[in-house]
N, C-alpha and C. Protein backbone atom coordinates (compact mmCIF):
# COMPACT_ATOMS: atom_id res chain seq x y z
N UNK A 1 123.59 -51.63 -123.76
CA UNK A 1 124.61 -52.02 -122.79
C UNK A 1 125.37 -53.21 -123.35
N UNK A 2 126.70 -53.09 -123.44
CA UNK A 2 127.53 -54.15 -124.00
C UNK A 2 127.80 -55.27 -123.01
N UNK A 3 128.26 -56.38 -123.54
CA UNK A 3 128.62 -57.48 -122.67
C UNK A 3 130.07 -57.33 -122.26
N UNK A 4 130.39 -57.85 -121.11
CA UNK A 4 131.74 -57.76 -120.57
C UNK A 4 132.65 -58.77 -121.26
N UNK A 5 133.83 -58.32 -121.68
CA UNK A 5 134.81 -59.22 -122.29
C UNK A 5 135.48 -60.03 -121.18
N UNK A 6 135.53 -61.32 -121.39
CA UNK A 6 136.16 -62.21 -120.42
C UNK A 6 137.59 -62.48 -120.87
N UNK A 7 138.55 -62.23 -119.99
CA UNK A 7 139.95 -62.55 -120.24
C UNK A 7 140.41 -63.47 -119.12
N UNK A 8 140.96 -64.60 -119.50
CA UNK A 8 141.51 -65.55 -118.53
C UNK A 8 142.98 -65.74 -118.81
N UNK A 9 143.78 -65.76 -117.76
CA UNK A 9 145.22 -65.97 -117.88
C UNK A 9 145.58 -67.15 -116.99
N UNK A 10 146.32 -68.09 -117.58
CA UNK A 10 146.74 -69.27 -116.82
C UNK A 10 148.18 -69.62 -117.18
N UNK A 11 148.82 -70.35 -116.32
CA UNK A 11 150.16 -70.84 -116.63
C UNK A 11 150.07 -71.85 -117.76
N UNK A 12 150.95 -71.73 -118.74
CA UNK A 12 151.01 -72.70 -119.84
C UNK A 12 151.98 -73.79 -119.42
N UNK A 13 151.50 -74.97 -119.08
CA UNK A 13 152.38 -76.00 -118.56
C UNK A 13 153.42 -76.46 -119.59
N UNK A 14 154.58 -76.88 -119.08
CA UNK A 14 155.63 -77.42 -119.93
C UNK A 14 156.74 -76.43 -120.19
N UNK A 15 157.72 -76.91 -120.94
CA UNK A 15 158.86 -76.08 -121.36
C UNK A 15 158.68 -75.72 -122.82
N UNK A 16 158.90 -74.45 -123.14
CA UNK A 16 158.68 -73.92 -124.48
C UNK A 16 159.98 -73.40 -125.06
N UNK A 17 160.20 -73.68 -126.33
CA UNK A 17 161.37 -73.19 -127.06
C UNK A 17 160.88 -72.20 -128.11
N UNK A 18 161.55 -71.04 -128.16
CA UNK A 18 161.16 -69.99 -129.10
C UNK A 18 162.31 -69.80 -130.08
N UNK A 19 162.02 -69.96 -131.39
CA UNK A 19 163.05 -69.84 -132.43
C UNK A 19 162.62 -68.83 -133.48
N UNK A 20 163.64 -68.18 -134.04
CA UNK A 20 163.40 -67.23 -135.15
C UNK A 20 164.66 -67.15 -135.98
N UNK A 21 164.50 -67.07 -137.27
CA UNK A 21 165.61 -66.90 -138.20
C UNK A 21 166.71 -67.94 -137.96
N UNK A 22 166.31 -69.16 -137.63
CA UNK A 22 167.25 -70.26 -137.47
C UNK A 22 167.95 -70.33 -136.13
N UNK A 23 167.61 -69.46 -135.19
CA UNK A 23 168.28 -69.45 -133.88
C UNK A 23 167.25 -69.58 -132.76
N UNK A 24 167.69 -70.19 -131.66
CA UNK A 24 166.85 -70.23 -130.46
C UNK A 24 166.99 -68.87 -129.78
N UNK A 25 165.86 -68.19 -129.61
CA UNK A 25 165.90 -66.86 -128.98
C UNK A 25 165.27 -66.87 -127.60
N UNK A 26 164.80 -68.04 -127.17
CA UNK A 26 164.22 -68.13 -125.85
C UNK A 26 163.87 -69.55 -125.46
N UNK A 27 163.76 -69.74 -124.16
CA UNK A 27 163.40 -71.03 -123.59
C UNK A 27 162.75 -70.72 -122.25
N UNK A 28 161.56 -71.25 -122.02
CA UNK A 28 160.87 -70.93 -120.78
C UNK A 28 159.99 -72.06 -120.29
N UNK A 29 159.83 -72.10 -119.00
CA UNK A 29 158.82 -72.96 -118.38
C UNK A 29 157.83 -72.07 -117.62
N UNK A 30 157.89 -70.75 -117.92
CA UNK A 30 157.05 -69.78 -117.20
C UNK A 30 156.10 -69.02 -118.13
N UNK A 31 155.75 -69.61 -119.26
CA UNK A 31 154.84 -68.95 -120.20
C UNK A 31 153.44 -68.85 -119.61
N UNK A 32 152.72 -67.82 -120.06
CA UNK A 32 151.33 -67.64 -119.68
C UNK A 32 150.46 -67.75 -120.93
N UNK A 33 149.29 -68.32 -120.77
CA UNK A 33 148.33 -68.43 -121.86
C UNK A 33 147.17 -67.49 -121.56
N UNK A 34 146.93 -66.54 -122.48
CA UNK A 34 145.85 -65.58 -122.31
C UNK A 34 144.73 -65.95 -123.27
N UNK A 35 143.55 -66.10 -122.72
CA UNK A 35 142.35 -66.39 -123.52
C UNK A 35 141.41 -65.19 -123.40
N UNK A 36 140.99 -64.69 -124.57
CA UNK A 36 140.10 -63.53 -124.62
C UNK A 36 138.95 -63.85 -125.57
N UNK A 37 137.75 -63.54 -125.14
CA UNK A 37 136.56 -63.79 -125.99
C UNK A 37 136.77 -63.29 -127.40
N UNK A 38 136.51 -64.16 -128.39
CA UNK A 38 136.57 -63.77 -129.79
C UNK A 38 137.94 -63.84 -130.43
N UNK A 39 138.97 -64.25 -129.68
CA UNK A 39 140.34 -64.32 -130.21
C UNK A 39 140.94 -65.68 -129.93
N UNK A 40 141.92 -66.04 -130.76
CA UNK A 40 142.70 -67.25 -130.50
C UNK A 40 143.51 -67.06 -129.22
N UNK A 41 143.77 -68.12 -128.45
CA UNK A 41 144.62 -67.98 -127.27
C UNK A 41 146.02 -67.48 -127.67
N UNK A 42 146.64 -66.69 -126.80
CA UNK A 42 147.95 -66.11 -127.06
C UNK A 42 148.90 -66.51 -125.94
N UNK A 43 150.09 -67.00 -126.35
CA UNK A 43 151.13 -67.37 -125.41
C UNK A 43 152.00 -66.14 -125.13
N UNK A 44 152.20 -65.83 -123.88
CA UNK A 44 153.06 -64.71 -123.46
C UNK A 44 154.32 -65.29 -122.81
N UNK A 45 155.47 -64.79 -123.24
CA UNK A 45 156.78 -65.30 -122.80
C UNK A 45 157.47 -64.25 -121.94
N UNK A 46 157.99 -64.63 -120.76
CA UNK A 46 158.69 -63.64 -119.93
C UNK A 46 159.93 -63.10 -120.65
N UNK A 47 160.13 -61.79 -120.59
CA UNK A 47 161.31 -61.19 -121.22
C UNK A 47 162.60 -61.79 -120.69
N UNK A 48 162.63 -62.11 -119.41
CA UNK A 48 163.84 -62.69 -118.80
C UNK A 48 164.24 -64.01 -119.46
N UNK A 49 163.30 -64.66 -120.12
CA UNK A 49 163.56 -65.95 -120.76
C UNK A 49 163.79 -65.83 -122.27
N UNK A 50 163.87 -64.60 -122.77
CA UNK A 50 164.14 -64.33 -124.18
C UNK A 50 165.49 -63.64 -124.33
N UNK A 51 166.11 -63.82 -125.46
CA UNK A 51 167.35 -63.12 -125.78
C UNK A 51 166.97 -61.72 -126.28
N UNK A 52 166.74 -60.80 -125.34
CA UNK A 52 166.24 -59.47 -125.69
C UNK A 52 167.22 -58.66 -126.53
N UNK A 53 168.47 -59.10 -126.62
CA UNK A 53 169.45 -58.43 -127.46
C UNK A 53 169.00 -58.42 -128.93
N UNK A 54 168.15 -59.37 -129.32
CA UNK A 54 167.66 -59.45 -130.70
C UNK A 54 166.45 -58.56 -130.96
N UNK A 55 165.94 -57.91 -129.93
CA UNK A 55 164.71 -57.12 -130.07
C UNK A 55 165.00 -55.63 -129.96
N UNK A 56 164.40 -54.87 -130.86
CA UNK A 56 164.47 -53.41 -130.83
C UNK A 56 163.06 -52.89 -130.65
N UNK A 57 162.89 -51.95 -129.72
CA UNK A 57 161.58 -51.35 -129.48
C UNK A 57 161.15 -50.55 -130.71
N UNK A 58 159.92 -50.74 -131.11
CA UNK A 58 159.33 -50.06 -132.26
C UNK A 58 158.66 -48.76 -131.81
N UNK A 59 158.36 -47.90 -132.76
CA UNK A 59 157.57 -46.70 -132.46
C UNK A 59 156.08 -47.01 -132.43
N UNK A 60 155.71 -48.21 -132.90
CA UNK A 60 154.29 -48.58 -132.99
C UNK A 60 153.71 -48.86 -131.60
N UNK A 61 152.52 -48.37 -131.36
CA UNK A 61 151.75 -48.70 -130.16
C UNK A 61 150.30 -48.90 -130.58
N UNK A 62 149.59 -49.67 -129.82
CA UNK A 62 148.15 -49.82 -130.02
C UNK A 62 147.48 -49.81 -128.65
N UNK A 63 146.18 -49.64 -128.65
CA UNK A 63 145.44 -49.60 -127.40
C UNK A 63 144.35 -50.67 -127.42
N UNK A 64 144.29 -51.43 -126.36
CA UNK A 64 143.21 -52.40 -126.14
C UNK A 64 142.42 -51.91 -124.92
N UNK A 65 141.12 -51.75 -125.04
CA UNK A 65 140.35 -51.26 -123.90
C UNK A 65 140.35 -52.21 -122.71
N UNK A 66 140.72 -53.47 -122.94
CA UNK A 66 140.69 -54.47 -121.87
C UNK A 66 142.07 -54.73 -121.26
N UNK A 67 143.13 -54.53 -122.06
CA UNK A 67 144.48 -54.83 -121.58
C UNK A 67 145.35 -53.58 -121.41
N UNK A 68 145.07 -52.52 -122.15
CA UNK A 68 145.85 -51.29 -122.04
C UNK A 68 146.62 -50.99 -123.31
N UNK A 69 147.74 -50.26 -123.17
CA UNK A 69 148.55 -49.85 -124.32
C UNK A 69 149.65 -50.88 -124.58
N UNK A 70 149.75 -51.30 -125.84
CA UNK A 70 150.76 -52.28 -126.24
C UNK A 70 151.93 -51.57 -126.93
N UNK A 71 153.13 -51.99 -126.59
CA UNK A 71 154.35 -51.54 -127.24
C UNK A 71 154.84 -52.68 -128.12
N UNK A 72 155.36 -52.36 -129.30
CA UNK A 72 155.78 -53.39 -130.26
C UNK A 72 157.30 -53.46 -130.36
N UNK A 73 157.78 -54.61 -130.84
CA UNK A 73 159.21 -54.86 -130.98
C UNK A 73 159.52 -55.46 -132.35
N UNK A 74 160.66 -55.03 -132.90
CA UNK A 74 161.22 -55.62 -134.11
C UNK A 74 162.18 -56.72 -133.67
N UNK A 75 162.36 -57.72 -134.51
CA UNK A 75 163.33 -58.79 -134.27
C UNK A 75 164.48 -58.59 -135.25
N UNK A 76 165.65 -58.30 -134.73
CA UNK A 76 166.83 -58.02 -135.56
C UNK A 76 167.76 -59.22 -135.51
N UNK A 77 167.73 -60.02 -136.59
CA UNK A 77 168.59 -61.19 -136.69
C UNK A 77 169.85 -60.89 -137.48
N UNK A 78 170.62 -61.93 -137.77
CA UNK A 78 171.86 -61.77 -138.51
C UNK A 78 171.63 -61.28 -139.94
N UNK A 79 170.59 -61.79 -140.57
CA UNK A 79 170.38 -61.51 -141.99
C UNK A 79 169.23 -60.58 -142.32
N UNK A 80 168.36 -60.32 -141.35
CA UNK A 80 167.22 -59.45 -141.65
C UNK A 80 166.61 -58.92 -140.35
N UNK A 81 165.76 -57.94 -140.55
CA UNK A 81 165.01 -57.34 -139.44
C UNK A 81 163.53 -57.55 -139.73
N UNK A 82 162.85 -58.23 -138.84
CA UNK A 82 161.41 -58.45 -138.97
C UNK A 82 160.69 -57.40 -138.13
N UNK A 83 159.83 -56.63 -138.80
CA UNK A 83 159.18 -55.49 -138.16
C UNK A 83 157.97 -55.89 -137.30
N UNK A 84 157.90 -55.32 -136.12
CA UNK A 84 156.72 -55.42 -135.24
C UNK A 84 156.23 -56.86 -135.05
N UNK A 85 157.14 -57.76 -134.73
CA UNK A 85 156.78 -59.17 -134.59
C UNK A 85 156.20 -59.50 -133.22
N UNK A 86 156.48 -58.65 -132.23
CA UNK A 86 156.06 -58.95 -130.87
C UNK A 86 155.46 -57.71 -130.22
N UNK A 87 154.64 -57.94 -129.22
CA UNK A 87 154.09 -56.83 -128.46
C UNK A 87 154.13 -57.15 -126.97
N UNK A 88 154.05 -56.08 -126.19
CA UNK A 88 154.11 -56.20 -124.75
C UNK A 88 153.24 -55.12 -124.12
N UNK A 89 152.61 -55.45 -123.03
CA UNK A 89 151.86 -54.46 -122.25
C UNK A 89 152.75 -54.07 -121.08
N UNK A 90 153.33 -52.87 -121.17
CA UNK A 90 154.28 -52.41 -120.16
C UNK A 90 153.58 -52.16 -118.82
N UNK A 91 152.38 -51.62 -118.89
CA UNK A 91 151.59 -51.32 -117.69
C UNK A 91 150.16 -51.76 -117.95
N UNK A 92 149.91 -53.08 -117.95
CA UNK A 92 148.57 -53.57 -118.29
C UNK A 92 147.53 -53.13 -117.26
N UNK A 93 146.29 -53.14 -117.71
CA UNK A 93 145.18 -52.75 -116.84
C UNK A 93 145.01 -53.77 -115.71
N UNK A 94 144.31 -53.30 -114.67
CA UNK A 94 143.97 -54.19 -113.57
C UNK A 94 143.23 -55.41 -114.12
N UNK A 95 143.49 -56.54 -113.56
CA UNK A 95 142.84 -57.77 -114.01
C UNK A 95 143.69 -58.58 -114.97
N UNK A 96 144.68 -57.94 -115.60
CA UNK A 96 145.60 -58.66 -116.50
C UNK A 96 147.06 -58.31 -116.18
N UNK A 97 147.30 -57.86 -114.97
CA UNK A 97 148.64 -57.38 -114.59
C UNK A 97 149.71 -58.47 -114.69
N UNK A 98 149.30 -59.74 -114.72
CA UNK A 98 150.28 -60.84 -114.82
C UNK A 98 151.11 -60.77 -116.09
N UNK A 99 150.61 -60.15 -117.15
CA UNK A 99 151.33 -60.15 -118.43
C UNK A 99 152.38 -59.03 -118.53
N UNK A 100 152.49 -58.19 -117.51
CA UNK A 100 153.53 -57.15 -117.51
C UNK A 100 154.90 -57.83 -117.57
N UNK A 101 155.78 -57.33 -118.44
CA UNK A 101 157.11 -57.92 -118.56
C UNK A 101 157.16 -59.15 -119.46
N UNK A 102 156.09 -59.42 -120.17
CA UNK A 102 156.01 -60.57 -121.07
C UNK A 102 155.86 -60.07 -122.51
N UNK A 103 156.32 -60.89 -123.48
CA UNK A 103 156.13 -60.60 -124.90
C UNK A 103 155.22 -61.66 -125.51
N UNK A 104 154.40 -61.22 -126.44
CA UNK A 104 153.60 -62.12 -127.26
C UNK A 104 153.99 -61.88 -128.71
N UNK A 105 153.80 -62.88 -129.55
CA UNK A 105 154.27 -62.83 -130.93
C UNK A 105 153.13 -62.99 -131.92
N UNK A 106 153.22 -62.26 -133.04
CA UNK A 106 152.26 -62.46 -134.12
C UNK A 106 152.43 -63.87 -134.67
N UNK A 107 151.32 -64.46 -135.04
CA UNK A 107 151.32 -65.81 -135.58
C UNK A 107 152.28 -65.90 -136.78
N UNK A 108 153.18 -66.87 -136.76
CA UNK A 108 154.12 -67.08 -137.85
C UNK A 108 155.39 -66.26 -137.75
N UNK A 109 155.46 -65.31 -136.81
CA UNK A 109 156.65 -64.46 -136.69
C UNK A 109 157.83 -65.24 -136.11
N UNK A 110 157.54 -66.15 -135.20
CA UNK A 110 158.55 -67.02 -134.59
C UNK A 110 157.94 -68.41 -134.51
N UNK A 111 158.77 -69.39 -134.19
CA UNK A 111 158.29 -70.75 -133.97
C UNK A 111 158.35 -71.02 -132.47
N UNK A 112 157.23 -71.38 -131.91
CA UNK A 112 157.16 -71.70 -130.48
C UNK A 112 156.72 -73.15 -130.36
N UNK A 113 157.60 -73.95 -129.75
CA UNK A 113 157.33 -75.39 -129.62
C UNK A 113 157.31 -75.79 -128.16
N UNK A 114 156.37 -76.65 -127.81
CA UNK A 114 156.34 -77.28 -126.51
C UNK A 114 157.33 -78.43 -126.57
N UNK A 115 158.40 -78.36 -125.75
CA UNK A 115 159.46 -79.36 -125.84
C UNK A 115 159.37 -80.42 -124.73
N UNK A 116 158.66 -80.16 -123.68
CA UNK A 116 158.44 -81.19 -122.64
C UNK A 116 157.33 -80.76 -121.72
């Protein structure tokens, strides 16, 4: 019998600036911090607070038994396209429904700074 994975989601206090390829692509005070056993904490940013015009939906998907199916996004800037830099759970499982409509980013794909 396996142990239950613990996932905690909390509001990430402060204002966050999201930059990529030399441009600000988002600014939010509504970020969520997801903590999952065995993983580094992940910041989730509301899509409404990102410049979604820079994102193209990828064909890539993955499945997490605890969160559900993830959809990936490419970041299309002026000079290049970065593949599969972000993911989102369109219809997350019960218990993590707060992250629906939010994007998370692979480490190093964008710069996320706490500005206040």
